[in-house]
Amino acid sequence: MAKHRAASIDGKLSEEFAVPSHVDDVTELMAAFAERHGAAGRRLVLITSGGTKVPLESRTVRFLDNFSSGRRGASSAEYFLDAGYAVIFLHRHRSLYPYARQYSGVNLLDSLQLGGSGGGDQVVVVNREALPKIDKVLKRYQDVKRDGLLLPVEFSTLSEYLHLLKASAQVLGTLGSKAMFYLAAAVSDFYIPASDMPEHKIQSSNGPLQISMKMVPKILSPLVKDWAPRAFVISFKLETDTSILLDKARKALDTYRHQAVVANVLDTRRGYVVVVTHDTQAELILTDEDVSKGVEIEDMIVSNLTRAHAQFISKQEG
């Protein structure tokens, strides 16, 4: 049954979602990264971040998108690195990036100045007011880069995301319980199969547009059951209706049998989440005091999940 399910997903991915040309090269990079850190005894997390765009034409002019900026994934990556994890950061092109995300609202040219006499090469000087704590942030980023703890992998379209997630799952599956999947990306629920997509730009002169879309295959199922069955897997559930949030989270756990769901509501997602497992339900709330101290909700989420992951590993290896 498991082989049939995996084959069904594999068939749909290859037939209806274009395979990115660089998937083999990226798989090799991820495999080397996982092997090196696994050999060092380090836990490893795959973080998905940002939204996915769904093309409406093969030669894409128009596409469907969502609101995700990748803020949660990028900030969480920093806290996982602080907790001693190696991180594969599977992120949407131009979404927020660890460490750099802290200055996403800053105009780069406004934060730099030219110094020196002007007689020779001038020195570029950082405006520290425009880039607060830049020394600390830059040092931490350079330490992470020097130690090879962060492997960024970009995607743009839904097709790229699905194929790269499958590749990463098969790679990290070799690490057993030491691998974690933190699936924070906002993935589209609907798509147009490649075979149904017009090649050229849809002409507005043809009148109102009617689109028929299919449901995106639930890749969480083969990830948990077939590709990385011993890994610690966290999915995210975002709703706009508070009344259905926890029921949706529990239903996801029952359906996919993974380890945790981070449930949040659109309007309060930056200050309140509920981490739901099969046996527990933990409310994480940012107080006014926390906000004044610069605490982020992702710090609390990562702390909760790293503790749960450690317990998971102990049970698996016990």
C-alpha atoms as a PDB file:
ATOM      1  CA  MET A   1       0.000   0.000   0.000  1.00  0.00           C
ATOM      2  CA  ALA A   2       2.828   2.403   0.893  1.00  0.00           C
ATOM      3  CA  LYS A   3       4.582   1.697  -2.415  1.00  0.00           C
ATOM      4  CA  HIS A   4       1.350   2.318  -4.316  1.00  0.00           C
ATOM      5  CA  ARG A   5       0.781   5.618  -2.499  1.00  0.00           C
ATOM      6  CA  ALA A   6       4.335   6.836  -3.116  1.00  0.00           C
ATOM      7  CA  ALA A   7       4.181   5.768  -6.760  1.00  0.00           C
ATOM      8  CA  SER A   8       0.910   7.666  -7.182  1.00  0.00           C
ATOM      9  CA  ILE A   9       2.423  10.879  -5.832  1.00  0.00           C
ATOM     10  CA  ASP A  10       5.607  10.393  -7.852  1.00  0.00           C
ATOM     11  CA  GLY A  11       3.566   9.919 -11.007  1.00  0.00           C
ATOM     12  CA  LYS A  12       1.542  13.066 -10.428  1.00  0.00           C
ATOM     13  CA  LEU A  13       4.646  15.113  -9.655  1.00  0.00           C
ATOM     14  CA  SER A  14       6.430  14.016 -12.816  1.00  0.00           C
ATOM     15  CA  GLU A  15       3.370  14.358 -15.077  1.00  0.00           C
ATOM     16  CA  GLU A  16       1.728  17.552 -13.851  1.00  0.00           C
ATOM     17  CA  PHE A  17       4.556  19.577 -12.282  1.00  0.00           C
ATOM     18  CA  ALA A  18       7.603  20.558 -14.312  1.00  0.00           C
ATOM     19  CA  VAL A  19      10.824  19.139 -12.858  1.00  0.00           C
ATOM     20  CA  PRO A  20      13.344  21.937 -12.120  1.00  0.00           C
ATOM     21  CA  SER A  21      16.531  21.576 -14.141  1.00  0.00           C
ATOM     22  CA  HIS A  22      18.733  22.013 -11.059  1.00  0.00           C
ATOM     23  CA  VAL A  23      17.062  19.441  -8.795  1.00  0.00           C
ATOM     24  CA  ASP A  24      19.879  16.855  -9.147  1.00  0.00           C
ATOM     25  CA  ASP A  25      22.581  19.409  -8.330  1.00  0.00           C
ATOM     26  CA  VAL A  26      20.646  20.650  -5.302  1.00  0.00           C
ATOM     27  CA  THR A  27      20.066  17.086  -4.121  1.00  0.00           C
ATOM     28  CA  GLU A  28      23.816  16.465  -4.168  1.00  0.00           C
ATOM     29  CA  LEU A  29      24.438  19.605  -2.101  1.00  0.00           C
ATOM     30  CA  MET A  30      21.793  18.619   0.439  1.00  0.00           C
ATOM     31  CA  ALA A  31      23.136  15.073   0.665  1.00  0.00           C
ATOM     32  CA  ALA A  32      26.684  16.285   1.365  1.00  0.00           C
ATOM     33  CA  PHE A  33      25.365  18.795   3.923  1.00  0.00           C
ATOM     34  CA  ALA A  34      23.293  16.136   5.704  1.00  0.00           C
ATOM     35  CA  GLU A  35      26.110  13.591   5.688  1.00  0.00           C
ATOM     36  CA  ARG A  36      28.622  16.059   7.149  1.00  0.00           C
ATOM     37  CA  HIS A  37      26.408  17.275   9.961  1.00  0.00           C
ATOM     38  CA  GLY A  38      24.958  13.844  10.640  1.00  0.00           C
ATOM     39  CA  ALA A  39      28.471  12.472  11.066  1.00  0.00           C
ATOM     40  CA  ALA A  40      29.166  15.276  13.534  1.00  0.00           C
ATOM     41  CA  GLY A  41      26.144  14.194  15.595  1.00  0.00           C
ATOM     42  CA  ARG A  42      24.278  17.408  14.893  1.00  0.00           C
ATOM     43  CA  ARG A  43      20.518  17.614  14.559  1.00  0.00           C
ATOM     44  CA  LEU A  44      19.306  19.005  11.242  1.00  0.00           C
ATOM     45  CA  VAL A  45      16.137  20.889  10.327  1.00  0.00           C
ATOM     46  CA  LEU A  46      14.629  21.511   6.906  1.00  0.00           C
ATOM     47  CA  ILE A  47      12.715  24.804   7.023  1.00  0.00           C
ATOM     48  CA  THR A  48      10.329  25.734   4.232  1.00  0.00           C
ATOM     49  CA  SER A  49       9.630  29.439   3.965  1.00  0.00           C
ATOM     50  CA  GLY A  50       7.660  31.925   1.876  1.00  0.00           C
ATOM     51  CA  GLY A  51       4.763  31.470  -0.512  1.00  0.00           C
ATOM     52  CA  THR A  52       4.438  29.538  -3.762  1.00  0.00           C
ATOM     53  CA  LYS A  53       3.351  31.066  -7.042  1.00  0.00           C
ATOM     54  CA  VAL A  54       1.143  29.133  -9.445  1.00  0.00           C
ATOM     55  CA  PRO A  55       1.647  30.016 -13.138  1.00  0.00           C
ATOM     56  CA  LEU A  56      -1.381  30.482 -15.385  1.00  0.00           C
ATOM     57  CA  GLU A  57       0.649  30.145 -18.599  1.00  0.00           C
ATOM     58  CA  SER A  58       3.643  28.021 -19.593  1.00  0.00           C
ATOM     59  CA  ARG A  59       5.523  31.170 -20.659  1.00  0.00           C
ATOM     60  CA  THR A  60       4.445  32.823 -17.467  1.00  0.00           C
ATOM     61  CA  VAL A  61       3.144  36.367 -17.429  1.00  0.00           C
ATOM     62  CA  ARG A  62       0.414  35.900 -14.829  1.00  0.00           C
ATOM     63  CA  PHE A  63       0.362  33.752 -11.713  1.00  0.00           C
ATOM     64  CA  LEU A  64      -1.548  33.244  -8.476  1.00  0.00           C
ATOM     65  CA  ASP A  65       0.271  34.088  -5.257  1.00  0.00           C
ATOM     66  CA  ASN A  66      -0.349  34.527  -1.542  1.00  0.00           C
ATOM     67  CA  PHE A  67       0.611  37.028   1.124  1.00  0.00           C
ATOM     68  CA  SER A  68       3.536  35.151   2.699  1.00  0.00           C
ATOM     69  CA  SER A  69       6.784  37.100   3.059  1.00  0.00           C
ATOM     70  CA  GLY A  70       8.752  34.274   4.691  1.00  0.00           C
ATOM     71  CA  ARG A  71       9.081  36.129   7.984  1.00  0.00           C
ATOM     72  CA  ARG A  72       8.309  33.132  10.184  1.00  0.00           C
ATOM     73  CA  GLY A  73      10.653  30.786   8.358  1.00  0.00           C
ATOM     74  CA  ALA A  74      13.551  33.252   8.246  1.00  0.00           C
ATOM     75  CA  SER A  75      13.342  34.210  11.925  1.00  0.00           C
ATOM     76  CA  SER A  76      12.863  30.574  12.989  1.00  0.00           C
ATOM     77  CA  ALA A  77      16.024  29.616  11.100  1.00  0.00           C
ATOM     78  CA  GLU A  78      18.023  31.971  13.309  1.00  0.00           C
ATOM     79  CA  TYR A  79      16.647  30.413  16.498  1.00  0.00           C
ATOM     80  CA  PHE A  80      17.268  26.874  15.280  1.00  0.00           C
ATOM     81  CA  LEU A  81      20.861  27.826  14.507  1.00  0.00           C
ATOM     82  CA  ASP A  82      21.181  29.292  18.007  1.00  0.00           C
ATOM     83  CA  ALA A  83      19.878  25.964  19.357  1.00  0.00           C
ATOM     84  CA  GLY A  84      22.693  24.058  17.636  1.00  0.00           C
ATOM     85  CA  TYR A  85      20.893  22.774  14.545  1.00  0.00           C
ATOM     86  CA  ALA A  86      22.203  22.748  11.014  1.00  0.00           C
ATOM     87  CA  VAL A  87      19.578  24.295   8.720  1.00  0.00           C
ATOM     88  CA  ILE A  88      18.521  23.646   5.140  1.00  0.00           C
ATOM     89  CA  PHE A  89      16.520  26.748   4.265  1.00  0.00           C
ATOM     90  CA  LEU A  90      14.137  25.991   1.401  1.00  0.00           C
ATOM     91  CA  HIS A  91      12.828  29.447   0.621  1.00  0.00           C
ATOM     92  CA  ARG A  92      10.936  31.387  -2.001  1.00  0.00           C
ATOM     93  CA  HIS A  93      13.074  33.586  -4.229  1.00  0.00           C
ATOM     94  CA  ARG A  94      13.197  37.120  -2.779  1.00  0.00           C
ATOM     95  CA  SER A  95      11.406  36.136   0.425  1.00  0.00           C
ATOM     96  CA  LEU A  96      12.942  37.160   3.753  1.00  0.00           C
ATOM     97  CA  TYR A  97      16.316  35.636   4.601  1.00  0.00           C
ATOM     98  CA  PRO A  98      17.864  34.826   8.006  1.00  0.00           C
ATOM     99  CA  TYR A  99      19.693  37.774   9.579  1.00  0.00           C
ATOM    100  CA  ALA A 100      19.155  40.027   6.549  1.00  0.00           C
ATOM    101  CA  ARG A 101      15.393  39.891   7.319  1.00  0.00           C
ATOM    102  CA  GLN A 102      16.015  42.191  10.306  1.00  0.00           C
ATOM    103  CA  TYR A 103      16.701  45.023   7.861  1.00  0.00           C
ATOM    104  CA  SER A 104      14.062  44.218   5.255  1.00  0.00           C
ATOM    105  CA  GLY A 105      12.437  47.642   5.588  1.00  0.00           C
ATOM    106  CA  VAL A 106      15.701  49.575   5.186  1.00  0.00           C
ATOM    107  CA  ASN A 107      16.758  51.240   1.946  1.00  0.00           C
ATOM    108  CA  LEU A 108      20.319  49.983   1.521  1.00  0.00           C
ATOM    109  CA  LEU A 109      21.606  53.229  -0.007  1.00  0.00           C
ATOM    110  CA  ASP A 110      20.197  55.253   2.889  1.00  0.00           C
ATOM    111  CA  SER A 111      22.152  53.090   5.332  1.00  0.00           C
ATOM    112  CA  LEU A 112      25.552  53.678   3.706  1.00  0.00           C
ATOM    113  CA  GLN A 113      27.731  56.765   3.397  1.00  0.00           C
ATOM    114  CA  LEU A 114      30.973  57.602   1.634  1.00  0.00           C
ATOM    115  CA  GLY A 115      33.869  58.562   3.868  1.00  0.00           C
ATOM    116  CA  GLY A 116      37.489  59.558   3.383  1.00  0.00           C
ATOM    117  CA  SER A 117      39.264  62.541   1.852  1.00  0.00           C
ATOM    118  CA  GLY A 118      38.037  61.941  -1.681  1.00  0.00           C
ATOM    119  CA  GLY A 119      41.598  61.935  -3.033  1.00  0.00           C
ATOM    120  CA  GLY A 120      41.686  58.172  -3.545  1.00  0.00           C
ATOM    121  CA  ASP A 121      39.455  55.222  -2.945  1.00  0.00           C
ATOM    122  CA  GLN A 122      36.696  56.287  -0.603  1.00  0.00           C
ATOM    123  CA  VAL A 123      35.566  54.174   2.323  1.00  0.00           C
ATOM    124  CA  VAL A 124      31.953  53.044   2.610  1.00  0.00           C
ATOM    125  CA  VAL A 125      30.692  53.786   6.134  1.00  0.00           C
ATOM    126  CA  VAL A 126      27.668  52.127   7.734  1.00  0.00           C
ATOM    127  CA  ASN A 127      24.994  54.330   9.245  1.00  0.00           C
ATOM    128  CA  ARG A 128      24.460  52.477  12.519  1.00  0.00           C
ATOM    129  CA  GLU A 129      21.200  54.246  13.224  1.00  0.00           C
ATOM    130  CA  ALA A 130      19.750  52.875   9.993  1.00  0.00           C
ATOM    131  CA  LEU A 131      21.134  49.385  10.742  1.00  0.00           C
ATOM    132  CA  PRO A 132      20.799  48.897  14.518  1.00  0.00           C
ATOM    133  CA  LYS A 133      22.847  46.053  16.069  1.00  0.00           C
ATOM    134  CA  ILE A 134      24.517  45.449  12.710  1.00  0.00           C
ATOM    135  CA  ASP A 135      27.816  44.411  14.360  1.00  0.00           C
ATOM    136  CA  LYS A 136      26.139  41.649  16.370  1.00  0.00           C
ATOM    137  CA  VAL A 137      23.954  40.446  13.494  1.00  0.00           C
ATOM    138  CA  LEU A 138      26.815  40.438  10.981  1.00  0.00           C
ATOM    139  CA  LYS A 139      29.123  38.554  13.346  1.00  0.00           C
ATOM    140  CA  ARG A 140      26.503  35.879  13.993  1.00  0.00           C
ATOM    141  CA  TYR A 141      25.826  35.489  10.274  1.00  0.00           C
ATOM    142  CA  GLN A 142      29.521  35.207   9.465  1.00  0.00           C
ATOM    143  CA  ASP A 143      29.998  32.595  12.216  1.00  0.00           C
ATOM    144  CA  VAL A 144      27.129  30.526  10.784  1.00  0.00           C
ATOM    145  CA  LYS A 145      28.522  30.858   7.261  1.00  0.00           C
ATOM    146  CA  ARG A 146      32.081  29.985   8.362  1.00  0.00           C
ATOM    147  CA  ASP A 147      30.869  26.827  10.098  1.00  0.00           C
ATOM    148  CA  GLY A 148      28.710  25.819   7.130  1.00  0.00           C
ATOM    149  CA  LEU A 149      25.564  25.525   9.236  1.00  0.00           C
ATOM    150  CA  LEU A 150      23.108  27.101   6.782  1.00  0.00           C
ATOM    151  CA  LEU A 151      22.353  25.735   3.320  1.00  0.00           C
ATOM    152  CA  PRO A 152      19.978  28.000   1.355  1.00  0.00           C
ATOM    153  CA  VAL A 153      17.899  26.441  -1.424  1.00  0.00           C
ATOM    154  CA  GLU A 154      15.650  28.671  -3.537  1.00  0.00           C
ATOM    155  CA  PHE A 155      12.347  27.928  -5.208  1.00  0.00           C
ATOM    156  CA  SER A 156       9.935  30.174  -7.043  1.00  0.00           C
ATOM    157  CA  THR A 157       7.020  28.168  -8.391  1.00  0.00           C
ATOM    158  CA  LEU A 158       4.857  25.511  -6.781  1.00  0.00           C
ATOM    159  CA  SER A 159       6.429  22.889  -9.070  1.00  0.00           C
ATOM    160  CA  GLU A 160       9.930  23.726  -7.892  1.00  0.00           C
ATOM    161  CA  TYR A 161       8.841  23.647  -4.263  1.00  0.00           C
ATOM    162  CA  LEU A 162       7.225  20.211  -4.504  1.00  0.00           C
ATOM    163  CA  HIS A 163      10.149  18.561  -6.302  1.00  0.00           C
ATOM    164  CA  LEU A 164      12.757  20.119  -3.993  1.00  0.00           C
ATOM    165  CA  LEU A 165      10.788  19.169  -0.883  1.00  0.00           C
ATOM    166  CA  LYS A 166      10.589  15.579  -2.075  1.00  0.00           C
ATOM    167  CA  ALA A 167      14.347  15.546  -2.756  1.00  0.00           C
ATOM    168  CA  SER A 168      15.121  17.005   0.669  1.00  0.00           C
ATOM    169  CA  ALA A 169      12.828  14.501   2.390  1.00  0.00           C
ATOM    170  CA  GLN A 170      14.552  11.560   0.757  1.00  0.00           C
ATOM    171  CA  VAL A 171      17.948  12.973   1.727  1.00  0.00           C
ATOM    172  CA  LEU A 172      17.048  13.761   5.335  1.00  0.00           C
ATOM    173  CA  GLY A 173      15.292  10.438   5.721  1.00  0.00           C
ATOM    174  CA  THR A 174      18.755   8.890   6.054  1.00  0.00           C
ATOM    175  CA  LEU A 175      19.260  10.776   9.356  1.00  0.00           C
ATOM    176  CA  GLY A 176      16.342   9.092  11.084  1.00  0.00           C
ATOM    177  CA  SER A 177      15.023  10.790  14.215  1.00  0.00           C
ATOM    178  CA  LYS A 178      17.721  13.500  14.176  1.00  0.00           C
ATOM    179  CA  ALA A 179      16.010  15.132  11.175  1.00  0.00           C
ATOM    180  CA  MET A 180      13.239  17.675  11.620  1.00  0.00           C
ATOM    181  CA  PHE A 181      10.880  19.141   9.023  1.00  0.00           C
ATOM    182  CA  TYR A 182       9.522  22.599   9.874  1.00  0.00           C
ATOM    183  CA  LEU A 183       7.030  23.184   7.083  1.00  0.00           C
ATOM    184  CA  ALA A 184       6.292  26.890   7.465  1.00  0.00           C
ATOM    185  CA  ALA A 185       5.896  27.770   3.766  1.00  0.00           C
ATOM    186  CA  ALA A 186       2.456  28.932   2.621  1.00  0.00           C
ATOM    187  CA  VAL A 187       1.804  26.363  -0.101  1.00  0.00           C
ATOM    188  CA  SER A 188      -0.967  26.809  -2.636  1.00  0.00           C
ATOM    189  CA  ASP A 189      -3.904  24.399  -2.390  1.00  0.00           C
ATOM    190  CA  PHE A 190      -4.737  24.723  -6.090  1.00  0.00           C
ATOM    191  CA  TYR A 191      -2.841  24.483  -9.380  1.00  0.00           C
ATOM    192  CA  ILE A 192      -3.211  24.142 -13.142  1.00  0.00           C
ATOM    193  CA  PRO A 193      -1.557  20.987 -14.536  1.00  0.00           C
ATOM    194  CA  ALA A 194       1.197  21.652 -17.055  1.00  0.00           C
ATOM    195  CA  SER A 195      -0.789  19.799 -19.719  1.00  0.00           C
ATOM    196  CA  ASP A 196      -3.789  22.124 -19.252  1.00  0.00           C
ATOM    197  CA  MET A 197      -1.837  25.366 -19.242  1.00  0.00           C
ATOM    198  CA  PRO A 198      -1.828  27.612 -22.329  1.00  0.00           C
ATOM    199  CA  GLU A 199       1.644  28.149 -23.723  1.00  0.00           C
ATOM    200  CA  HIS A 200       1.348  31.881 -24.367  1.00  0.00           C
ATOM    201  CA  LYS A 201      -0.046  34.846 -22.467  1.00  0.00           C
ATOM    202  CA  ILE A 202      -3.812  34.673 -21.952  1.00  0.00           C
ATOM    203  CA  GLN A 203      -5.391  37.456 -24.005  1.00  0.00           C
ATOM    204  CA  SER A 204      -7.765  39.800 -22.206  1.00  0.00           C
ATOM    205  CA  SER A 205      -9.473  40.473 -25.539  1.00  0.00           C
ATOM    206  CA  ASN A 206     -10.987  36.993 -25.273  1.00  0.00           C
ATOM    207  CA  GLY A 207     -13.247  38.258 -22.484  1.00  0.00           C
ATOM    208  CA  PRO A 208     -13.730  37.216 -18.842  1.00  0.00           C
ATOM    209  CA  LEU A 209     -11.371  34.499 -17.640  1.00  0.00           C
ATOM    210  CA  GLN A 210     -12.640  31.220 -16.251  1.00  0.00           C
ATOM    211  CA  ILE A 211     -10.054  28.937 -14.672  1.00  0.00           C
ATOM    212  CA  SER A 212     -10.462  25.331 -13.564  1.00  0.00           C
ATOM    213  CA  MET A 213      -7.853  24.299 -11.008  1.00  0.00           C
ATOM    214  CA  LYS A 214      -6.971  20.986  -9.383  1.00  0.00           C
ATOM    215  CA  MET A 215      -6.145  20.294  -5.756  1.00  0.00           C
ATOM    216  CA  VAL A 216      -2.425  20.150  -5.002  1.00  0.00           C
ATOM    217  CA  PRO A 217      -1.442  16.619  -3.897  1.00  0.00           C
ATOM    218  CA  LYS A 218      -0.906  16.335  -0.145  1.00  0.00           C
ATOM    219  CA  ILE A 219       2.815  15.748  -0.119  1.00  0.00           C
ATOM    220  CA  LEU A 220       2.864  15.624   3.691  1.00  0.00           C
ATOM    221  CA  SER A 221       1.449  12.093   3.519  1.00  0.00           C
ATOM    222  CA  PRO A 222       4.279  10.439   1.529  1.00  0.00           C
ATOM    223  CA  LEU A 223       6.852  12.551   3.384  1.00  0.00           C
ATOM    224  CA  VAL A 224       5.727  11.150   6.741  1.00  0.00           C
ATOM    225  CA  LYS A 225       4.941   7.601   5.643  1.00  0.00           C
ATOM    226  CA  ASP A 226       7.450   6.866   2.890  1.00  0.00           C
ATOM    227  CA  TRP A 227      10.276   9.375   2.392  1.00  0.00           C
ATOM    228  CA  ALA A 228      11.304  10.228   5.977  1.00  0.00           C
ATOM    229  CA  PRO A 229       9.258   7.947   8.256  1.00  0.00           C
ATOM    230  CA  ARG A 230      11.508   8.341  11.305  1.00  0.00           C
ATOM    231  CA  ALA A 231      11.827  12.146  11.159  1.00  0.00           C
ATOM    232  CA  PHE A 232      10.186  14.688  13.456  1.00  0.00           C
ATOM    233  CA  VAL A 233       7.676  16.587  11.317  1.00  0.00           C
ATOM    234  CA  ILE A 234       5.906  19.881  12.074  1.00  0.00           C
ATOM    235  CA  SER A 235       3.240  21.355   9.837  1.00  0.00           C
ATOM    236  CA  PHE A 236       1.560  24.756  10.103  1.00  0.00           C
ATOM    237  CA  LYS A 237      -2.137  25.548  10.065  1.00  0.00           C
ATOM    238  CA  LEU A 238      -3.226  29.131   9.352  1.00  0.00           C
ATOM    239  CA  GLU A 239      -6.892  30.066   9.485  1.00  0.00           C
ATOM    240  CA  THR A 240      -8.912  33.272   9.587  1.00  0.00           C
ATOM    241  CA  ASP A 241     -11.694  31.691  11.671  1.00  0.00           C
ATOM    242  CA  THR A 242     -10.631  31.052  15.281  1.00  0.00           C
ATOM    243  CA  SER A 243     -13.516  28.672  15.914  1.00  0.00           C
ATOM    244  CA  ILE A 244     -12.239  26.003  13.514  1.00  0.00           C
ATOM    245  CA  LEU A 245      -8.485  26.338  14.121  1.00  0.00           C
ATOM    246  CA  LEU A 246      -7.866  23.633  16.744  1.00  0.00           C
ATOM    247  CA  ASP A 247     -10.219  21.136  15.135  1.00  0.00           C
ATOM    248  CA  LYS A 248      -8.344  21.605  11.858  1.00  0.00           C
ATOM    249  CA  ALA A 249      -4.994  21.083  13.616  1.00  0.00           C
ATOM    250  CA  ARG A 250      -6.157  17.888  15.343  1.00  0.00           C
ATOM    251  CA  LYS A 251      -7.650  16.576  12.104  1.00  0.00           C
ATOM    252  CA  ALA A 252      -4.299  17.115  10.358  1.00  0.00           C
ATOM    253  CA  LEU A 253      -2.501  15.132  13.081  1.00  0.00           C
ATOM    254  CA  ASP A 254      -5.015  12.306  12.821  1.00  0.00           C
ATOM    255  CA  THR A 255      -4.805  12.247   9.026  1.00  0.00           C
ATOM    256  CA  TYR A 256      -1.048  12.451   8.491  1.00  0.00           C
ATOM    257  CA  ARG A 257       0.230  11.031  11.803  1.00  0.00           C
ATOM    258  CA  HIS A 258       3.107  13.475  12.093  1.00  0.00           C
ATOM    259  CA  GLN A 259       4.338  14.947  15.372  1.00  0.00           C
ATOM    260  CA  ALA A 260       3.065  18.533  15.719  1.00  0.00           C
ATOM    261  CA  VAL A 261       0.989  21.308  14.193  1.00  0.00           C
ATOM    262  CA  VAL A 262       1.667  24.980  14.842  1.00  0.00           C
ATOM    263  CA  ALA A 263      -1.802  26.520  14.679  1.00  0.00           C
ATOM    264  CA  ASN A 264      -2.316  30.257  14.272  1.00  0.00           C
ATOM    265  CA  VAL A 265      -4.892  32.806  13.199  1.00  0.00           C
ATOM    266  CA  LEU A 266      -4.044  35.374  10.523  1.00  0.00           C
ATOM    267  CA  ASP A 267      -4.720  38.491  12.611  1.00  0.00           C
ATOM    268  CA  THR A 268      -2.781  37.355  15.728  1.00  0.00           C
ATOM    269  CA  ARG A 269      -0.089  35.116  14.228  1.00  0.00           C
ATOM    270  CA  ARG A 270       2.813  37.297  15.379  1.00  0.00           C
ATOM    271  CA  GLY A 271       1.855  37.156  19.030  1.00  0.00           C
ATOM    272  CA  TYR A 272      -0.101  33.962  19.616  1.00  0.00           C
ATOM    273  CA  VAL A 273       0.141  30.356  18.397  1.00  0.00           C
ATOM    274  CA  VAL A 274      -0.885  26.959  19.692  1.00  0.00           C
ATOM    275  CA  VAL A 275       1.487  24.011  19.327  1.00  0.00           C
ATOM    276  CA  VAL A 276      -0.711  20.934  19.068  1.00  0.00           C
ATOM    277  CA  THR A 277       0.596  17.361  19.397  1.00  0.00           C
ATOM    278  CA  HIS A 278      -1.242  14.065  19.790  1.00  0.00           C
ATOM    279  CA  ASP A 279      -1.045  14.378  23.586  1.00  0.00           C
ATOM    280  CA  THR A 280      -0.528  18.071  24.340  1.00  0.00           C
ATOM    281  CA  GLN A 281      -1.683  21.566  23.481  1.00  0.00           C
ATOM    282  CA  ALA A 282       0.598  24.501  24.347  1.00  0.00           C
ATOM    283  CA  GLU A 283      -0.465  28.132  23.979  1.00  0.00           C
ATOM    284  CA  LEU A 284       2.462  30.448  23.259  1.00  0.00           C
ATOM    285  CA  ILE A 285       1.688  34.099  23.915  1.00  0.00           C
ATOM    286  CA  LEU A 286       3.853  37.211  23.614  1.00  0.00           C
ATOM    287  CA  THR A 287       3.182  39.585  26.484  1.00  0.00           C
ATOM    288  CA  ASP A 288       3.605  43.356  26.274  1.00  0.00           C
ATOM    289  CA  GLU A 289       6.776  42.937  28.324  1.00  0.00           C
ATOM    290  CA  ASP A 290       8.109  40.384  25.844  1.00  0.00           C
ATOM    291  CA  VAL A 291       7.441  42.767  22.965  1.00  0.00           C
ATOM    292  CA  SER A 292       9.215  45.610  24.769  1.00  0.00           C
ATOM    293  CA  LYS A 293      12.267  43.361  25.194  1.00  0.00           C
ATOM    294  CA  GLY A 294      12.306  42.436  21.513  1.00  0.00           C
ATOM    295  CA  VAL A 295      11.226  38.828  22.060  1.00  0.00           C
ATOM    296  CA  GLU A 296       9.721  37.156  18.986  1.00  0.00           C
ATOM    297  CA  ILE A 297       7.079  34.443  18.934  1.00  0.00           C
ATOM    298  CA  GLU A 298       9.377  32.289  16.774  1.00  0.00           C
ATOM    299  CA  ASP A 299      11.858  32.094  19.670  1.00  0.00           C
ATOM    300  CA  MET A 300       9.106  30.539  21.794  1.00  0.00           C
ATOM    301  CA  ILE A 301       7.983  28.197  19.004  1.00  0.00           C
ATOM    302  CA  VAL A 302      11.510  26.926  18.363  1.00  0.00           C
ATOM    303  CA  SER A 303      12.209  26.446  22.090  1.00  0.00           C
ATOM    304  CA  ASN A 304       9.041  24.375  22.434  1.00  0.00           C
ATOM    305  CA  LEU A 305       9.805  22.234  19.390  1.00  0.00           C
ATOM    306  CA  THR A 306      13.484  21.627  20.089  1.00  0.00           C
ATOM    307  CA  ARG A 307      12.543  20.250  23.519  1.00  0.00           C
ATOM    308  CA  ALA A 308       9.911  18.041  21.916  1.00  0.00           C
ATOM    309  CA  HIS A 309      12.419  16.888  19.294  1.00  0.00           C
ATOM    310  CA  ALA A 310      14.938  15.917  21.988  1.00  0.00           C
ATOM    311  CA  GLN A 311      12.277  13.819  23.735  1.00  0.00           C
ATOM    312  CA  PHE A 312      11.314  12.276  20.384  1.00  0.00           C
ATOM    313  CA  ILE A 313      14.932  11.272  19.696  1.00  0.00           C
ATOM    314  CA  SER A 314      15.276   9.744  23.180  1.00  0.00           C
ATOM    315  CA  LYS A 315      12.174   7.599  22.650  1.00  0.00           C
ATOM    316  CA  GLN A 316      13.283   6.529  19.184  1.00  0.00           C
ATOM    317  CA  GLU A 317      16.751   5.575  20.352  1.00  0.00           C
ATOM    318  CA  GLY A 318      15.701   4.210  23.748  1.00  0.00           C
END
